[in-house]
Amino acid sequence: MLHPDLRVLANPIEAHFGPLRQFTLANSNHPNHVVQTRRLHEYLRWRNAHARHPDVLAAQRRERARIRSENGRRRGLHDTPRAA
């Protein structure tokens, strides 16, 4: 299992730990570390073989940023306070 400190790091690679944990470690009952390591390697090979194109990833990031920006405006986070 991943060390608890690895789950709280504000690190770009942190996004990879969630799927890794979900697909290889969650609800698993590996008899030993050798089998667990094989499953981890199988998942990483699958993920690398099915990687998305960088342009698609960039477009998805832009869309998420646009949505976050819109949500902030709706909540009034972008409004400047008015002087009384």
PDB file of N, CA and C in Angstrom:
ATOM      1  N   MET A   1       0.840  -1.179   0.000  1.00  0.00           N
ATOM      2  CA  MET A   1       0.000   0.000   0.000  1.00  0.00           C
ATOM      3  C   MET A   1       0.883   1.239   0.000  1.00  0.00           C
ATOM      4  N   LEU A   2       0.400   2.301  -0.626  1.00  0.00           N
ATOM      5  CA  LEU A   2       1.162   3.537  -0.682  1.00  0.00           C
ATOM      6  C   LEU A   2       1.265   4.155   0.699  1.00  0.00           C
ATOM      7  N   HIS A   3       2.394   4.741   0.953  1.00  0.00           N
ATOM      8  CA  HIS A   3       2.612   5.407   2.224  1.00  0.00           C
ATOM      9  C   HIS A   3       1.609   6.552   2.361  1.00  0.00           C
ATOM     10  N   PRO A   4       0.998   6.762   3.538  1.00  0.00           N
ATOM     11  CA  PRO A   4      -0.014   7.817   3.707  1.00  0.00           C
ATOM     12  C   PRO A   4       0.491   9.202   3.316  1.00  0.00           C
ATOM     13  N   ASP A   5       1.775   9.486   3.536  1.00  0.00           N
ATOM     14  CA  ASP A   5       2.314  10.796   3.187  1.00  0.00           C
ATOM     15  C   ASP A   5       2.274  11.040   1.684  1.00  0.00           C
ATOM     16  N   LEU A   6       2.318   9.986   0.874  1.00  0.00           N
ATOM     17  CA  LEU A   6       2.297  10.147  -0.577  1.00  0.00           C
ATOM     18  C   LEU A   6       0.945  10.631  -1.066  1.00  0.00           C
ATOM     19  N   ARG A   7      -0.113  10.412  -0.279  1.00  0.00           N
ATOM     20  CA  ARG A   7      -1.444  10.811  -0.701  1.00  0.00           C
ATOM     21  C   ARG A   7      -1.712  12.292  -0.484  1.00  0.00           C
ATOM     22  N   VAL A   8      -0.905  12.962   0.313  1.00  0.00           N
ATOM     23  CA  VAL A   8      -1.190  14.352   0.632  1.00  0.00           C
ATOM     24  C   VAL A   8      -0.217  15.331  -0.018  1.00  0.00           C
ATOM     25  N   LEU A   9       0.735  14.850  -0.759  1.00  0.00           N
ATOM     26  CA  LEU A   9       1.688  15.748  -1.391  1.00  0.00           C
ATOM     27  C   LEU A   9       1.025  16.544  -2.505  1.00  0.00           C
ATOM     28  N   ALA A  10       1.324  17.809  -2.574  1.00  0.00           N
ATOM     29  CA  ALA A  10       0.833  18.642  -3.673  1.00  0.00           C
ATOM     30  C   ALA A  10       1.844  18.524  -4.802  1.00  0.00           C
ATOM     31  N   ASN A  11       1.767  17.458  -5.530  1.00  0.00           N
ATOM     32  CA  ASN A  11       2.755  17.115  -6.533  1.00  0.00           C
ATOM     33  C   ASN A  11       2.016  16.714  -7.801  1.00  0.00           C
ATOM     34  N   PRO A  12       2.493  17.119  -8.974  1.00  0.00           N
ATOM     35  CA  PRO A  12       1.793  16.753 -10.207  1.00  0.00           C
ATOM     36  C   PRO A  12       1.639  15.239 -10.396  1.00  0.00           C
ATOM     37  N   ILE A  13       2.550  14.456  -9.885  1.00  0.00           N
ATOM     38  CA  ILE A  13       2.456  13.016 -10.068  1.00  0.00           C
ATOM     39  C   ILE A  13       1.376  12.409  -9.169  1.00  0.00           C
ATOM     40  N   GLU A  14       0.930  13.185  -8.176  1.00  0.00           N
ATOM     41  CA  GLU A  14      -0.070  12.705  -7.236  1.00  0.00           C
ATOM     42  C   GLU A  14      -1.339  12.226  -7.946  1.00  0.00           C
ATOM     43  N   ALA A  15      -1.673  12.815  -9.073  1.00  0.00           N
ATOM     44  CA  ALA A  15      -2.869  12.421  -9.812  1.00  0.00           C
ATOM     45  C   ALA A  15      -2.797  10.980 -10.292  1.00  0.00           C
ATOM     46  N   HIS A  16      -1.599  10.441 -10.423  1.00  0.00           N
ATOM     47  CA  HIS A  16      -1.448   9.060 -10.881  1.00  0.00           C
ATOM     48  C   HIS A  16      -1.690   8.051  -9.766  1.00  0.00           C
ATOM     49  N   PHE A  17      -1.586   8.480  -8.513  1.00  0.00           N
ATOM     50  CA  PHE A  17      -1.713   7.540  -7.416  1.00  0.00           C
ATOM     51  C   PHE A  17      -3.141   7.057  -7.208  1.00  0.00           C
ATOM     52  N   GLY A  18      -4.120   7.914  -7.452  1.00  0.00           N
ATOM     53  CA  GLY A  18      -5.521   7.515  -7.272  1.00  0.00           C
ATOM     54  C   GLY A  18      -5.897   6.330  -8.141  1.00  0.00           C
ATOM     55  N   PRO A  19      -5.732   6.427  -9.465  1.00  0.00           N
ATOM     56  CA  PRO A  19      -6.049   5.278 -10.319  1.00  0.00           C
ATOM     57  C   PRO A  19      -5.175   4.067 -10.013  1.00  0.00           C
ATOM     58  N   LEU A  20      -3.924   4.310  -9.709  1.00  0.00           N
ATOM     59  CA  LEU A  20      -3.030   3.197  -9.382  1.00  0.00           C
ATOM     60  C   LEU A  20      -3.550   2.446  -8.167  1.00  0.00           C
ATOM     61  N   ARG A  21      -3.925   3.189  -7.147  1.00  0.00           N
ATOM     62  CA  ARG A  21      -4.454   2.567  -5.929  1.00  0.00           C
ATOM     63  C   ARG A  21      -5.772   1.856  -6.222  1.00  0.00           C
ATOM     64  N   GLN A  22      -6.633   2.502  -7.015  1.00  0.00           N
ATOM     65  CA  GLN A  22      -7.947   1.933  -7.303  1.00  0.00           C
ATOM     66  C   GLN A  22      -7.834   0.624  -8.089  1.00  0.00           C
ATOM     67  N   PHE A  23      -7.018   0.611  -9.132  1.00  0.00           N
ATOM     68  CA  PHE A  23      -6.970  -0.544 -10.021  1.00  0.00           C
ATOM     69  C   PHE A  23      -6.088  -1.674  -9.521  1.00  0.00           C
ATOM     70  N   THR A  24      -5.124  -1.380  -8.661  1.00  0.00           N
ATOM     71  CA  THR A  24      -4.205  -2.452  -8.274  1.00  0.00           C
ATOM     72  C   THR A  24      -4.225  -2.797  -6.793  1.00  0.00           C
ATOM     73  N   LEU A  25      -4.602  -1.860  -5.939  1.00  0.00           N
ATOM     74  CA  LEU A  25      -4.482  -2.116  -4.503  1.00  0.00           C
ATOM     75  C   LEU A  25      -5.819  -2.198  -3.784  1.00  0.00           C
ATOM     76  N   ALA A  26      -6.815  -1.428  -4.228  1.00  0.00           N
ATOM     77  CA  ALA A  26      -8.102  -1.411  -3.537  1.00  0.00           C
ATOM     78  C   ALA A  26      -8.773  -2.777  -3.642  1.00  0.00           C
ATOM     79  N   ASN A  27      -9.270  -3.253  -2.540  1.00  0.00           N
ATOM     80  CA  ASN A  27      -9.978  -4.534  -2.477  1.00  0.00           C
ATOM     81  C   ASN A  27      -9.160  -5.690  -3.038  1.00  0.00           C
ATOM     82  N   SER A  28      -7.869  -5.606  -2.879  1.00  0.00           N
ATOM     83  CA  SER A  28      -7.010  -6.688  -3.383  1.00  0.00           C
ATOM     84  C   SER A  28      -6.562  -7.565  -2.224  1.00  0.00           C
ATOM     85  N   ASN A  29      -6.202  -8.750  -2.556  1.00  0.00           N
ATOM     86  CA  ASN A  29      -5.716  -9.696  -1.562  1.00  0.00           C
ATOM     87  C   ASN A  29      -4.516 -10.424  -2.152  1.00  0.00           C
ATOM     88  N   HIS A  30      -3.470  -9.665  -2.457  1.00  0.00           N
ATOM     89  CA  HIS A  30      -2.276 -10.261  -3.052  1.00  0.00           C
ATOM     90  C   HIS A  30      -1.582 -11.132  -2.010  1.00  0.00           C
ATOM     91  N   PRO A  31      -1.200 -12.336  -2.409  1.00  0.00           N
ATOM     92  CA  PRO A  31      -0.568 -13.237  -1.437  1.00  0.00           C
ATOM     93  C   PRO A  31       0.810 -12.773  -0.977  1.00  0.00           C
ATOM     94  N   ASN A  32       1.504 -11.981  -1.821  1.00  0.00           N
ATOM     95  CA  ASN A  32       2.826 -11.488  -1.424  1.00  0.00           C
ATOM     96  C   ASN A  32       3.188 -10.262  -2.265  1.00  0.00           C
ATOM     97  N   HIS A  33       4.327  -9.682  -1.958  1.00  0.00           N
ATOM     98  CA  HIS A  33       4.746  -8.464  -2.646  1.00  0.00           C
ATOM     99  C   HIS A  33       5.128  -8.710  -4.097  1.00  0.00           C
ATOM    100  N   VAL A  34       5.560  -9.897  -4.410  1.00  0.00           N
ATOM    101  CA  VAL A  34       5.928 -10.212  -5.796  1.00  0.00           C
ATOM    102  C   VAL A  34       4.694 -10.119  -6.691  1.00  0.00           C
ATOM    103  N   VAL A  35       3.609 -10.710  -6.258  1.00  0.00           N
ATOM    104  CA  VAL A  35       2.362 -10.670  -7.032  1.00  0.00           C
ATOM    105  C   VAL A  35       1.845  -9.238  -7.101  1.00  0.00           C
ATOM    106  N   GLN A  36       1.906  -8.530  -5.995  1.00  0.00           N
ATOM    107  CA  GLN A  36       1.451  -7.140  -5.977  1.00  0.00           C
ATOM    108  C   GLN A  36       2.273  -6.297  -6.951  1.00  0.00           C
ATOM    109  N   THR A  37       3.572  -6.496  -6.969  1.00  0.00           N
ATOM    110  CA  THR A  37       4.440  -5.753  -7.888  1.00  0.00           C
ATOM    111  C   THR A  37       4.103  -6.078  -9.333  1.00  0.00           C
ATOM    112  N   ARG A  38       3.803  -7.340  -9.625  1.00  0.00           N
ATOM    113  CA  ARG A  38       3.400  -7.714 -10.989  1.00  0.00           C
ATOM    114  C   ARG A  38       2.137  -6.972 -11.403  1.00  0.00           C
ATOM    115  N   ARG A  39       1.173  -6.891 -10.505  1.00  0.00           N
ATOM    116  CA  ARG A  39      -0.076  -6.181 -10.816  1.00  0.00           C
ATOM    117  C   ARG A  39       0.193  -4.692 -11.065  1.00  0.00           C
ATOM    118  N   LEU A  40       1.048  -4.108 -10.242  1.00  0.00           N
ATOM    119  CA  LEU A  40       1.413  -2.707 -10.453  1.00  0.00           C
ATOM    120  C   LEU A  40       2.049  -2.511 -11.825  1.00  0.00           C
ATOM    121  N   HIS A  41       2.952  -3.398 -12.191  1.00  0.00           N
ATOM    122  CA  HIS A  41       3.623  -3.297 -13.486  1.00  0.00           C
ATOM    123  C   HIS A  41       2.643  -3.514 -14.639  1.00  0.00           C
ATOM    124  N   GLU A  42       1.719  -4.454 -14.471  1.00  0.00           N
ATOM    125  CA  GLU A  42       0.704  -4.674 -15.509  1.00  0.00           C
ATOM    126  C   GLU A  42      -0.123  -3.417 -15.727  1.00  0.00           C
ATOM    127  N   TYR A  43      -0.529  -2.780 -14.616  1.00  0.00           N
ATOM    128  CA  TYR A  43      -1.324  -1.568 -14.741  1.00  0.00           C
ATOM    129  C   TYR A  43      -0.526  -0.463 -15.419  1.00  0.00           C
ATOM    130  N   LEU A  44       0.734  -0.282 -15.030  1.00  0.00           N
ATOM    131  CA  LEU A  44       1.547   0.773 -15.635  1.00  0.00           C
ATOM    132  C   LEU A  44       1.768   0.528 -17.124  1.00  0.00           C
ATOM    133  N   ARG A  45       1.962  -0.751 -17.515  1.00  0.00           N
ATOM    134  CA  ARG A  45       2.091  -1.059 -18.944  1.00  0.00           C
ATOM    135  C   ARG A  45       0.807  -0.732 -19.678  1.00  0.00           C
ATOM    136  N   TRP A  46      -0.343  -1.072 -19.083  1.00  0.00           N
ATOM    137  CA  TRP A  46      -1.628  -0.774 -19.711  1.00  0.00           C
ATOM    138  C   TRP A  46      -1.810   0.737 -19.848  1.00  0.00           C
ATOM    139  N   ARG A  47      -1.528   1.472 -18.764  1.00  0.00           N
ATOM    140  CA  ARG A  47      -1.698   2.925 -18.790  1.00  0.00           C
ATOM    141  C   ARG A  47      -0.813   3.576 -19.850  1.00  0.00           C
ATOM    142  N   ASN A  48       0.429   3.120 -19.959  1.00  0.00           N
ATOM    143  CA  ASN A  48       1.337   3.684 -20.956  1.00  0.00           C
ATOM    144  C   ASN A  48       0.914   3.323 -22.379  1.00  0.00           C
ATOM    145  N   ALA A  49       0.359   2.140 -22.558  1.00  0.00           N
ATOM    146  CA  ALA A  49      -0.093   1.733 -23.887  1.00  0.00           C
ATOM    147  C   ALA A  49      -1.360   2.470 -24.307  1.00  0.00           C
ATOM    148  N   HIS A  50      -2.138   2.948 -23.352  1.00  0.00           N
ATOM    149  CA  HIS A  50      -3.395   3.626 -23.641  1.00  0.00           C
ATOM    150  C   HIS A  50      -3.332   5.115 -23.273  1.00  0.00           C
ATOM    151  N   ALA A  51      -2.168   5.694 -23.379  1.00  0.00           N
ATOM    152  CA  ALA A  51      -1.998   7.106 -23.026  1.00  0.00           C
ATOM    153  C   ALA A  51      -2.746   7.991 -24.018  1.00  0.00           C
ATOM    154  N   ARG A  52      -3.267   9.085 -23.510  1.00  0.00           N
ATOM    155  CA  ARG A  52      -3.966  10.035 -24.375  1.00  0.00           C
ATOM    156  C   ARG A  52      -2.965  10.992 -25.011  1.00  0.00           C
ATOM    157  N   HIS A  53      -3.325  11.509 -26.149  1.00  0.00           N
ATOM    158  CA  HIS A  53      -2.467  12.444 -26.872  1.00  0.00           C
ATOM    159  C   HIS A  53      -2.296  13.720 -26.048  1.00  0.00           C
ATOM    160  N   PRO A  54      -1.098  14.302 -26.031  1.00  0.00           N
ATOM    161  CA  PRO A  54      -0.865  15.514 -25.240  1.00  0.00           C
ATOM    162  C   PRO A  54      -1.809  16.667 -25.597  1.00  0.00           C
ATOM    163  N   ASP A  55      -2.204  16.775 -26.864  1.00  0.00           N
ATOM    164  CA  ASP A  55      -3.132  17.839 -27.255  1.00  0.00           C
ATOM    165  C   ASP A  55      -4.497  17.647 -26.599  1.00  0.00           C
ATOM    166  N   VAL A  56      -4.927  16.397 -26.485  1.00  0.00           N
ATOM    167  CA  VAL A  56      -6.204  16.109 -25.836  1.00  0.00           C
ATOM    168  C   VAL A  56      -6.121  16.474 -24.354  1.00  0.00           C
ATOM    169  N   LEU A  57      -5.025  16.103 -23.714  1.00  0.00           N
ATOM    170  CA  LEU A  57      -4.849  16.429 -22.301  1.00  0.00           C
ATOM    171  C   LEU A  57      -4.824  17.943 -22.083  1.00  0.00           C
ATOM    172  N   ALA A  58      -4.153  18.674 -22.971  1.00  0.00           N
ATOM    173  CA  ALA A  58      -4.093  20.131 -22.842  1.00  0.00           C
ATOM    174  C   ALA A  58      -5.490  20.737 -22.998  1.00  0.00           C
ATOM    175  N   ALA A  59      -6.264  20.234 -23.947  1.00  0.00           N
ATOM    176  CA  ALA A  59      -7.625  20.743 -24.149  1.00  0.00           C
ATOM    177  C   ALA A  59      -8.494  20.464 -22.923  1.00  0.00           C
ATOM    178  N   GLN A  60      -8.337  19.294 -22.316  1.00  0.00           N
ATOM    179  CA  GLN A  60      -9.100  18.970 -21.122  1.00  0.00           C
ATOM    180  C   GLN A  60      -8.718  19.884 -19.959  1.00  0.00           C
ATOM    181  N   ARG A  61      -7.420  20.187 -19.820  1.00  0.00           N
ATOM    182  CA  ARG A  61      -6.991  21.102 -18.760  1.00  0.00           C
ATOM    183  C   ARG A  61      -7.580  22.492 -18.966  1.00  0.00           C
ATOM    184  N   ARG A  62      -7.572  22.973 -20.214  1.00  0.00           N
ATOM    185  CA  ARG A  62      -8.142  24.293 -20.491  1.00  0.00           C
ATOM    186  C   ARG A  62      -9.632  24.319 -20.157  1.00  0.00           C
ATOM    187  N   GLU A  63     -10.335  23.258 -20.500  1.00  0.00           N
ATOM    188  CA  GLU A  63     -11.774  23.197 -20.228  1.00  0.00           C
ATOM    189  C   GLU A  63     -12.043  23.192 -18.725  1.00  0.00           C
ATOM    190  N   ARG A  64     -11.266  22.424 -17.965  1.00  0.00           N
ATOM    191  CA  ARG A  64     -11.440  22.406 -16.513  1.00  0.00           C
ATOM    192  C   ARG A  64     -11.157  23.782 -15.913  1.00  0.00           C
ATOM    193  N   ALA A  65     -10.129  24.468 -16.420  1.00  0.00           N
ATOM    194  CA  ALA A  65      -9.807  25.808 -15.923  1.00  0.00           C
ATOM    195  C   ALA A  65     -10.940  26.778 -16.251  1.00  0.00           C
ATOM    196  N   ARG A  66     -11.525  26.668 -17.438  1.00  0.00           N
ATOM    197  CA  ARG A  66     -12.633  27.534 -17.825  1.00  0.00           C
ATOM    198  C   ARG A  66     -13.822  27.317 -16.892  1.00  0.00           C
ATOM    199  N   ILE A  67     -14.111  26.061 -16.594  1.00  0.00           N
ATOM    200  CA  ILE A  67     -15.238  25.743 -15.711  1.00  0.00           C
ATOM    201  C   ILE A  67     -14.983  26.269 -14.303  1.00  0.00           C
ATOM    202  N   ARG A  68     -13.751  26.087 -13.815  1.00  0.00           N
ATOM    203  CA  ARG A  68     -13.428  26.617 -12.479  1.00  0.00           C
ATOM    204  C   ARG A  68     -13.591  28.126 -12.450  1.00  0.00           C
ATOM    205  N   SER A  69     -13.176  28.776 -13.515  1.00  0.00           N
ATOM    206  CA  SER A  69     -13.292  30.224 -13.592  1.00  0.00           C
ATOM    207  C   SER A  69     -14.759  30.647 -13.571  1.00  0.00           C
ATOM    208  N   GLU A  70     -15.599  29.967 -14.342  1.00  0.00           N
ATOM    209  CA  GLU A  70     -17.029  30.287 -14.352  1.00  0.00           C
ATOM    210  C   GLU A  70     -17.655  30.057 -12.990  1.00  0.00           C
ATOM    211  N   ASN A  71     -17.295  28.970 -12.341  1.00  0.00           N
ATOM    212  CA  ASN A  71     -17.847  28.686 -11.017  1.00  0.00           C
ATOM    213  C   ASN A  71     -17.454  29.769 -10.025  1.00  0.00           C
ATOM    214  N   GLY A  72     -16.246  30.259 -10.115  1.00  0.00           N
ATOM    215  CA  GLY A  72     -15.797  31.315  -9.219  1.00  0.00           C
ATOM    216  C   GLY A  72     -16.584  32.593  -9.428  1.00  0.00           C
ATOM    217  N   ARG A  73     -16.901  32.912 -10.689  1.00  0.00           N
ATOM    218  CA  ARG A  73     -17.667  34.121 -10.967  1.00  0.00           C
ATOM    219  C   ARG A  73     -19.080  33.991 -10.435  1.00  0.00           C
ATOM    220  N   ARG A  74     -19.672  32.808 -10.553  1.00  0.00           N
ATOM    221  CA  ARG A  74     -21.032  32.623 -10.058  1.00  0.00           C
ATOM    222  C   ARG A  74     -21.101  32.769  -8.555  1.00  0.00           C
ATOM    223  N   ARG A  75     -20.055  32.369  -7.864  1.00  0.00           N
ATOM    224  CA  ARG A  75     -20.046  32.453  -6.404  1.00  0.00           C
ATOM    225  C   ARG A  75     -19.629  33.828  -5.925  1.00  0.00           C
ATOM    226  N   GLY A  76     -19.268  34.714  -6.843  1.00  0.00           N
ATOM    227  CA  GLY A  76     -18.869  36.052  -6.455  1.00  0.00           C
ATOM    228  C   GLY A  76     -17.436  36.154  -5.990  1.00  0.00           C
ATOM    229  N   LEU A  77     -16.613  35.171  -6.274  1.00  0.00           N
ATOM    230  CA  LEU A  77     -15.236  35.204  -5.814  1.00  0.00           C
ATOM    231  C   LEU A  77     -14.391  36.188  -6.618  1.00  0.00           C
ATOM    232  N   HIS A  78     -14.805  36.527  -7.839  1.00  0.00           N
ATOM    233  CA  HIS A  78     -14.033  37.427  -8.659  1.00  0.00           C
ATOM    234  C   HIS A  78     -14.491  38.876  -8.515  1.00  0.00           C
ATOM    235  N   ASP A  79     -15.557  39.121  -7.790  1.00  0.00           N
ATOM    236  CA  ASP A  79     -16.044  40.484  -7.617  1.00  0.00           C
ATOM    237  C   ASP A  79     -15.153  41.229  -6.623  1.00  0.00           C
ATOM    238  N   THR A  80     -14.881  42.479  -6.939  1.00  0.00           N
ATOM    239  CA  THR A  80     -14.103  43.287  -6.009  1.00  0.00           C
ATOM    240  C   THR A  80     -15.064  43.941  -5.023  1.00  0.00           C
ATOM    241  N   PRO A  81     -14.699  44.006  -3.767  1.00  0.00           N
ATOM    242  CA  PRO A  81     -15.603  44.619  -2.778  1.00  0.00           C
ATOM    243  C   PRO A  81     -15.768  46.115  -3.062  1.00  0.00           C
ATOM    244  N   ARG A  82     -16.961  46.580  -2.899  1.00  0.00           N
ATOM    245  CA  ARG A  82     -17.265  48.005  -3.143  1.00  0.00           C
ATOM    246  C   ARG A  82     -17.080  48.779  -1.845  1.00  0.00           C
ATOM    247  N   ALA A  83     -16.563  49.973  -2.006  1.00  0.00           N
ATOM    248  CA  ALA A  83     -16.393  50.841  -0.831  1.00  0.00           C
ATOM    249  C   ALA A  83     -17.736  51.412  -0.424  1.00  0.00           C
ATOM    250  N   ALA A  84     -17.968  51.518   0.861  1.00  0.00           N
ATOM    251  CA  ALA A  84     -19.262  52.034   1.354  1.00  0.00           C
ATOM    252  C   ALA A  84     -19.290  53.525   1.380  1.00  0.00           C
TER     253      ALA A  84
END
